[in-house]
Amino acid sequence: MRAFVITGPGRAEVQQVEEPVPGAREVVVDVERAGVCGTDMEFYSGEMVYLHTGQAAYPIRIGHEWCGVVSSVGAGADPAWLGKRVTGDTMLGCGHCPRCAAGRQHLCADRFETGIRNGWPGALAERLLVPARALQTLPDNVDATLGALVEPGGNALRAVRAAALAAGDRLLVLGPGTIGLLAAQFARAQGAEVHLLGLPGPALDFARGLGFPNTWTADTLPALRWDAVIDASNAPALPALALDLVEPGRRVVYIGLSGEPSTIDTRAIALKDVTVVGVLSGSGGLAGAVDLYASGVVDPHPLIAATVGLDDVAEVLAGRRRAQWGHAPKLHIDPRR
């Protein structure tokens, strides 16, 4: 089958690779759609931290935001999965350790991460191997675009849940990228007043076009009470800003990752009696994202700039955007093209 393979920093190609064969309690999915994100771009550039800690190595097959149809099942997997439209959890825990037993498989020390960690091949290929326990069924009204947005949606939904917002609360989201915009949509759906902070330019203009008029830059941000702040940026200075801005006694949620360490003053956490929450992965948020997409309460279709084929992935990962794609933040891949 065809698969996109990163062979080294700035080097990638579409290769013919062996088709996956499902083992015990595994299935194979024919991939309909896959997304790429900043993590994938870091693998292409060579900056991704796992490449430097030994948790990933070239060649690597990326792709952890995906959906498709189950085409074969292994021994012990329920044959009822055959023909089902599905997506799945990126985080594949061992299933035996105390963290996995407690429902925290996304923090398992020995976990695989699809297309990211410990060599589990990703979804930028015609077919994908998945443990049956990681599958999430998709209803008919969740199309391929929405299906491939379930994984980032799960991340964003967990961030909003961690913010502990009530209807009418004011939320500030730092970073109007895919996760930030999804978090804004989820928070708005539950009745929060949503504001976004970003750099001046197309990203904030795009957010306004999605119906978020309260968009600000660092120079224009008003002095309001922020009942929660979600940092969905990759800027090393913004975690400290989030802590500085949040209302005492409320919550800051960190879901963005910068390329270098960020510093915060822990005295401010204590003196403001702030709850700080970190979010890793969409695990625990996938089903909720599917339900909100299926209901139509949240519609992230406009976040997709274009859907391209495997031969176009290197261009996407290098950050080269075609003018006709506009300013939507997310690119999708159809591996069948």
Protein backbone atom coordinates (compact mmCIF):
# COMPACT_ATOMS: atom_id res chain seq x y z
CA MET A 1 0.00 0.00 0.00
CA ARG A 2 1.03 3.67 -0.34
CA ALA A 3 2.21 5.53 2.75
CA PHE A 4 3.86 8.86 3.47
CA VAL A 5 7.23 8.32 5.17
CA ILE A 6 9.52 10.94 6.72
CA THR A 7 13.06 9.63 6.25
CA GLY A 8 14.98 12.47 7.89
CA PRO A 9 14.79 16.20 8.66
CA GLY A 10 13.21 17.87 5.63
CA ARG A 11 13.13 14.59 3.69
CA ALA A 12 10.02 12.54 2.92
CA GLU A 13 8.48 10.46 0.18
CA VAL A 14 5.46 8.34 -0.64
CA GLN A 15 6.55 4.71 -0.47
CA GLN A 16 5.09 1.30 -1.11
CA VAL A 17 5.02 -0.45 2.27
CA GLU A 18 3.63 -3.74 3.54
CA GLU A 19 -0.05 -3.77 4.37
CA PRO A 20 -0.86 -4.13 8.08
CA VAL A 21 -2.15 -7.46 9.33
CA PRO A 22 -4.33 -7.36 12.45
CA GLY A 23 -3.04 -9.27 15.44
CA ALA A 24 -4.98 -10.33 18.51
CA ARG A 25 -7.69 -7.80 19.40
CA GLU A 26 -6.60 -5.49 16.59
CA VAL A 27 -8.33 -4.20 13.47
CA VAL A 28 -7.23 -2.68 10.17
CA VAL A 29 -8.92 0.53 9.04
CA ASP A 30 -9.12 1.80 5.47
CA VAL A 31 -8.27 5.46 6.03
CA GLU A 32 -10.74 7.99 4.62
CA ARG A 33 -9.21 11.18 5.94
CA ALA A 34 -6.27 12.28 8.10
CA GLY A 35 -5.19 15.61 9.51
CA VAL A 36 -1.74 17.04 10.06
CA CYS A 37 -0.77 19.35 12.90
CA GLY A 38 2.20 21.12 14.45
CA THR A 39 3.56 17.88 15.88
CA ASP A 40 3.77 16.41 12.38
CA MET A 41 5.54 19.53 11.14
CA GLU A 42 8.09 19.16 13.94
CA PHE A 43 8.80 15.58 12.86
CA TYR A 44 9.41 16.84 9.33
CA SER A 45 11.71 19.65 10.51
CA GLY A 46 13.52 17.42 13.03
CA GLU A 47 12.55 19.57 16.02
CA MET A 48 10.12 17.11 17.64
CA VAL A 49 11.41 16.33 21.15
CA TYR A 50 10.72 12.58 20.88
CA LEU A 51 13.38 12.40 18.15
CA HIS A 52 15.93 13.60 20.71
CA THR A 53 14.78 11.44 23.64
CA GLY A 54 14.72 8.14 21.77
CA GLN A 55 10.92 7.81 21.82
CA ALA A 56 10.77 8.24 18.03
CA ALA A 57 13.20 7.70 15.18
CA TYR A 58 13.38 8.04 11.41
CA PRO A 59 11.95 6.69 9.24
CA ILE A 60 8.57 7.58 10.71
CA ARG A 61 5.02 7.32 9.38
CA ILE A 62 2.99 10.16 10.86
CA GLY A 63 -0.76 10.78 11.18
CA HIS A 64 -2.74 10.67 14.43
CA GLU A 65 -5.94 12.54 13.45
CA TRP A 66 -7.92 10.15 11.28
CA CYS A 67 -11.11 8.33 10.40
CA GLY A 68 -11.99 5.40 8.19
CA VAL A 69 -13.78 2.09 7.80
CA VAL A 70 -12.80 -1.17 9.50
CA SER A 71 -11.84 -3.63 6.77
CA SER A 72 -10.45 -6.58 8.76
CA VAL A 73 -10.30 -7.82 12.34
CA GLY A 74 -7.86 -10.00 14.19
CA ALA A 75 -8.45 -12.85 16.61
CA GLY A 76 -10.37 -11.78 19.67
CA ALA A 77 -11.66 -8.56 18.08
CA ASP A 78 -15.42 -8.30 17.73
CA PRO A 79 -16.32 -9.09 14.09
CA ALA A 80 -19.15 -6.55 14.42
CA TRP A 81 -16.50 -3.89 13.84
CA LEU A 82 -16.27 -4.91 10.17
CA GLY A 83 -17.65 -2.15 7.95
CA LYS A 84 -18.01 0.34 10.81
CA ARG A 85 -16.94 3.95 10.33
CA VAL A 86 -14.55 4.80 13.14
CA THR A 87 -11.89 7.06 14.53
CA GLY A 88 -9.64 6.23 17.45
CA ASP A 89 -7.51 7.28 20.37
CA THR A 90 -3.92 8.24 19.60
CA MET A 91 -2.69 7.04 23.00
CA LEU A 92 -2.28 3.27 23.15
CA GLY A 93 -1.40 2.21 26.68
CA CYS A 94 -0.10 -1.20 27.67
CA GLY A 95 -3.42 -2.06 29.32
CA HIS A 96 -1.80 -3.64 32.38
CA CYS A 97 -0.06 -0.96 34.45
CA PRO A 98 -1.72 0.97 37.31
CA ARG A 99 -2.19 4.04 35.09
CA CYS A 100 -4.00 2.04 32.44
CA ALA A 101 -6.08 0.25 35.08
CA ALA A 102 -7.13 3.64 36.46
CA GLY A 103 -8.25 4.87 33.02
CA ARG A 104 -5.15 6.96 32.39
CA GLN A 105 -3.77 4.95 29.49
CA HIS A 106 -2.76 8.19 27.79
CA LEU A 107 -0.11 8.55 30.50
CA CYS A 108 1.17 4.97 30.37
CA ALA A 109 4.97 5.01 30.51
CA ASP A 110 5.12 2.27 27.88
CA ARG A 111 2.42 3.66 25.58
CA PHE A 112 2.53 3.84 21.84
CA GLU A 113 1.20 6.99 20.20
CA THR A 114 -0.18 6.44 16.72
CA GLY A 115 2.13 8.08 14.22
CA ILE A 116 4.19 9.67 16.99
CA ARG A 117 5.75 7.50 19.69
CA ASN A 118 7.56 4.16 19.83
CA GLY A 119 7.12 3.31 16.16
CA TRP A 120 3.36 2.73 15.79
CA PRO A 121 2.67 3.59 12.12
CA GLY A 122 0.33 6.52 11.50
CA ALA A 123 -2.65 7.26 9.31
CA LEU A 124 -0.99 8.95 6.34
CA ALA A 125 -1.37 5.68 4.52
CA GLU A 126 -4.11 3.74 2.78
CA ARG A 127 -4.60 1.50 5.82
CA LEU A 128 -3.97 1.75 9.55
CA LEU A 129 -3.53 -0.83 12.31
CA VAL A 130 -5.51 -0.01 15.48
CA PRO A 131 -6.17 -1.88 18.76
CA ALA A 132 -9.91 -2.51 18.92
CA ARG A 133 -10.06 -0.98 22.41
CA ALA A 134 -8.99 2.39 20.96
CA LEU A 135 -11.84 2.64 18.45
CA GLN A 136 -14.62 5.22 18.57
CA THR A 137 -17.68 4.67 16.38
CA LEU A 138 -18.81 7.50 14.10
CA PRO A 139 -22.50 8.06 13.33
CA ASP A 140 -23.57 8.54 9.72
CA ASN A 141 -23.98 12.31 10.07
CA VAL A 142 -20.35 12.74 11.14
CA ASP A 143 -18.64 12.86 7.76
CA ALA A 144 -14.98 12.22 6.99
CA THR A 145 -14.01 15.84 7.65
CA LEU A 146 -15.59 15.79 11.09
CA GLY A 147 -14.28 12.29 11.77
CA ALA A 148 -10.69 13.42 11.29
CA LEU A 149 -11.38 16.38 13.59
CA VAL A 150 -12.48 14.20 16.52
CA GLU A 151 -8.94 13.78 17.89
CA PRO A 152 -8.12 17.52 18.03
CA GLY A 153 -11.69 18.10 19.15
CA GLY A 154 -11.20 15.72 22.06
CA ASN A 155 -8.16 17.74 23.12
CA ALA A 156 -10.06 21.01 22.93
CA LEU A 157 -13.11 19.63 24.73
CA ARG A 158 -10.97 18.35 27.59
CA ALA A 159 -9.43 21.82 27.88
CA VAL A 160 -12.86 23.44 28.08
CA ARG A 161 -14.03 20.92 30.65
CA ALA A 162 -10.90 21.62 32.70
CA ALA A 163 -11.71 25.34 32.64
CA ALA A 164 -14.87 24.57 34.67
CA LEU A 165 -16.95 27.29 33.01
CA ALA A 166 -20.52 28.14 33.88
CA ALA A 167 -22.94 29.79 31.44
CA GLY A 168 -22.08 33.45 31.20
CA ASP A 169 -18.48 33.04 32.36
CA ARG A 170 -15.84 34.85 30.34
CA LEU A 171 -13.12 32.72 28.72
CA LEU A 172 -9.91 33.97 27.14
CA VAL A 173 -8.27 31.60 24.64
CA LEU A 174 -4.63 32.29 23.82
CA GLY A 175 -3.84 31.16 20.27
CA PRO A 176 -6.43 31.07 17.43
CA GLY A 177 -5.13 27.88 15.83
CA THR A 178 -7.11 24.67 15.38
CA ILE A 179 -7.17 23.70 19.07
CA GLY A 180 -7.86 27.26 20.19
CA LEU A 181 -10.73 27.68 17.74
CA LEU A 182 -12.22 24.31 18.62
CA ALA A 183 -12.03 25.21 22.32
CA ALA A 184 -13.73 28.52 21.53
CA GLN A 185 -16.52 26.70 19.69
CA PHE A 186 -17.06 24.20 22.51
CA ALA A 187 -17.05 26.93 25.16
CA ARG A 188 -19.50 29.08 23.18
CA ALA A 189 -21.79 26.06 22.81
CA GLN A 190 -22.08 25.82 26.59
CA GLY A 191 -22.88 29.47 27.01
CA ALA A 192 -19.52 31.08 27.79
CA GLU A 193 -18.50 34.52 26.55
CA VAL A 194 -15.45 33.72 24.43
CA HIS A 195 -12.51 36.01 23.65
CA LEU A 196 -9.40 35.12 21.64
CA LEU A 197 -5.90 36.58 21.81
CA GLY A 198 -3.45 36.25 18.92
CA LEU A 199 -1.08 38.03 16.63
CA PRO A 200 -2.49 40.66 14.29
CA GLY A 201 -3.24 39.28 10.87
CA PRO A 202 -5.17 36.56 9.03
CA ALA A 203 -5.64 34.16 11.98
CA LEU A 204 -7.58 36.69 14.04
CA ASP A 205 -9.48 37.81 10.94
CA PHE A 206 -10.47 34.19 10.35
CA ALA A 207 -11.64 33.83 13.96
CA ARG A 208 -13.85 36.89 13.56
CA GLY A 209 -15.29 35.30 10.42
CA LEU A 210 -16.29 32.29 12.51
CA GLY A 211 -18.45 34.55 14.65
CA PHE A 212 -16.02 35.47 17.40
CA PRO A 213 -16.01 39.29 17.43
CA ASN A 214 -14.01 39.52 20.65
CA THR A 215 -10.56 39.00 19.16
CA TRP A 216 -7.57 40.86 20.53
CA THR A 217 -3.85 41.38 20.21
CA ALA A 218 -1.52 41.99 23.14
CA ASP A 219 -1.86 45.73 22.52
CA THR A 220 -5.66 45.81 22.36
CA LEU A 221 -6.64 43.28 25.05
CA PRO A 222 -9.12 44.97 27.40
CA ALA A 223 -8.79 44.87 31.19
CA LEU A 224 -11.67 42.48 31.87
CA ARG A 225 -12.29 39.74 34.40
CA TRP A 226 -11.16 36.44 32.87
CA ASP A 227 -12.96 33.56 34.60
CA ALA A 228 -10.69 31.08 32.83
CA VAL A 229 -7.77 31.22 30.44
CA ILE A 230 -6.85 28.42 28.02
CA ASP A 231 -3.33 28.64 26.60
CA ALA A 232 -3.52 26.91 23.22
CA SER A 233 -0.48 28.71 21.83
CA ASN A 234 3.12 27.70 21.20
CA ALA A 235 4.57 30.96 22.53
CA PRO A 236 6.92 30.51 25.53
CA ALA A 237 5.81 33.80 27.13
CA LEU A 238 2.07 33.13 27.12
CA PRO A 239 1.84 30.60 29.98
CA ALA A 240 2.97 33.34 32.36
CA LEU A 241 0.54 35.80 30.80
CA ALA A 242 -2.33 33.34 31.28
CA LEU A 243 -1.54 33.09 34.98
CA ASP A 244 -1.25 36.85 35.26
CA LEU A 245 -4.61 37.49 33.58
CA VAL A 246 -6.86 34.87 35.18
CA GLU A 247 -9.28 35.88 37.91
CA PRO A 248 -8.14 34.78 41.42
CA GLY A 249 -9.67 31.50 42.46
CA ARG A 250 -10.36 30.38 38.88
CA ARG A 251 -8.56 28.16 36.35
CA VAL A 252 -5.76 28.24 33.81
CA VAL A 253 -5.55 25.37 31.33
CA TYR A 254 -2.35 24.61 29.45
CA ILE A 255 -2.76 22.62 26.25
CA GLY A 256 -0.28 24.37 23.94
CA LEU A 257 3.39 23.44 23.83
CA SER A 258 6.19 25.84 23.00
CA GLY A 259 9.44 24.81 21.39
CA GLU A 260 11.38 25.91 24.46
CA PRO A 261 10.68 25.85 28.21
CA SER A 262 8.18 28.36 29.58
CA THR A 263 8.50 29.93 33.01
CA ILE A 264 5.73 30.81 35.44
CA ASP A 265 5.89 32.20 38.98
CA THR A 266 4.44 29.52 41.25
CA ARG A 267 3.98 32.16 43.94
CA ALA A 268 1.24 33.65 41.78
CA ILE A 269 -0.53 30.30 41.65
CA ALA A 270 -0.60 30.13 45.44
CA LEU A 271 -1.31 33.79 46.14
CA LYS A 272 -4.14 33.91 43.60
CA ASP A 273 -5.45 30.47 44.68
CA VAL A 274 -5.52 29.46 41.03
CA THR A 275 -6.10 25.93 39.77
CA VAL A 276 -3.70 25.04 36.95
CA VAL A 277 -4.55 22.11 34.69
CA GLY A 278 -2.46 20.48 31.97
CA VAL A 279 -4.11 18.57 29.12
CA LEU A 280 -2.35 15.85 27.14
CA SER A 281 -4.30 14.20 24.31
CA GLY A 282 -7.93 13.86 23.39
CA SER A 283 -8.32 10.68 25.45
CA GLY A 284 -11.51 11.00 27.44
CA GLY A 285 -12.88 13.69 25.12
CA LEU A 286 -13.40 11.75 21.89
CA ALA A 287 -16.95 10.56 22.55
CA GLY A 288 -18.02 14.01 23.68
CA ALA A 289 -16.58 15.61 20.55
CA VAL A 290 -18.41 13.09 18.35
CA ASP A 291 -21.70 13.81 20.14
CA LEU A 292 -21.33 17.59 19.75
CA TYR A 293 -20.42 17.26 16.07
CA ALA A 294 -23.31 14.87 15.43
CA SER A 295 -25.80 17.17 17.13
CA GLY A 296 -24.70 20.12 15.01
CA VAL A 297 -24.12 22.21 18.12
CA VAL A 298 -20.47 22.56 17.06
CA ASP A 299 -19.55 22.63 13.37
CA PRO A 300 -15.81 22.79 12.69
CA HIS A 301 -16.05 22.25 8.91
CA PRO A 302 -14.83 25.82 8.24
CA LEU A 303 -11.50 25.04 9.97
CA ILE A 304 -10.41 22.91 6.99
CA ALA A 305 -8.53 24.89 4.35
CA ALA A 306 -8.21 22.04 1.84
CA THR A 307 -8.00 18.28 1.42
CA VAL A 308 -5.03 17.03 -0.58
CA GLY A 309 -3.37 13.73 -1.44
CA LEU A 310 -0.30 11.95 -0.09
CA ASP A 311 1.92 13.47 -2.76
CA ASP A 312 1.16 16.94 -1.38
CA VAL A 313 1.97 16.23 2.28
CA ALA A 314 5.63 17.32 2.20
CA GLU A 315 4.56 20.72 0.87
CA VAL A 316 2.07 21.05 3.72
CA LEU A 317 4.60 20.02 6.37
CA ALA A 318 7.12 22.52 5.03
CA GLY A 319 4.58 25.26 5.66
CA ARG A 320 3.99 26.12 2.02
CA ARG A 321 0.35 27.11 1.66
CA ARG A 322 -1.31 27.67 -1.68
CA ALA A 323 -3.15 30.97 -2.06
CA GLN A 324 -6.44 29.25 -2.88
CA TRP A 325 -6.44 27.50 0.51
CA GLY A 326 -7.20 30.75 2.31
CA HIS A 327 -6.53 31.18 6.02
CA ALA A 328 -8.33 28.26 7.67
CA PRO A 329 -5.82 26.56 10.00
CA LYS A 330 -6.16 22.85 9.20
CA LEU A 331 -5.13 20.76 6.18
CA HIS A 332 -6.57 17.31 5.61
CA ILE A 333 -5.17 14.40 3.65
CA ASP A 334 -7.10 11.82 1.65
CA PRO A 335 -4.66 8.88 1.34
CA ARG A 336 -6.74 7.39 -1.48
CA ARG A 337 -5.75 10.25 -3.81
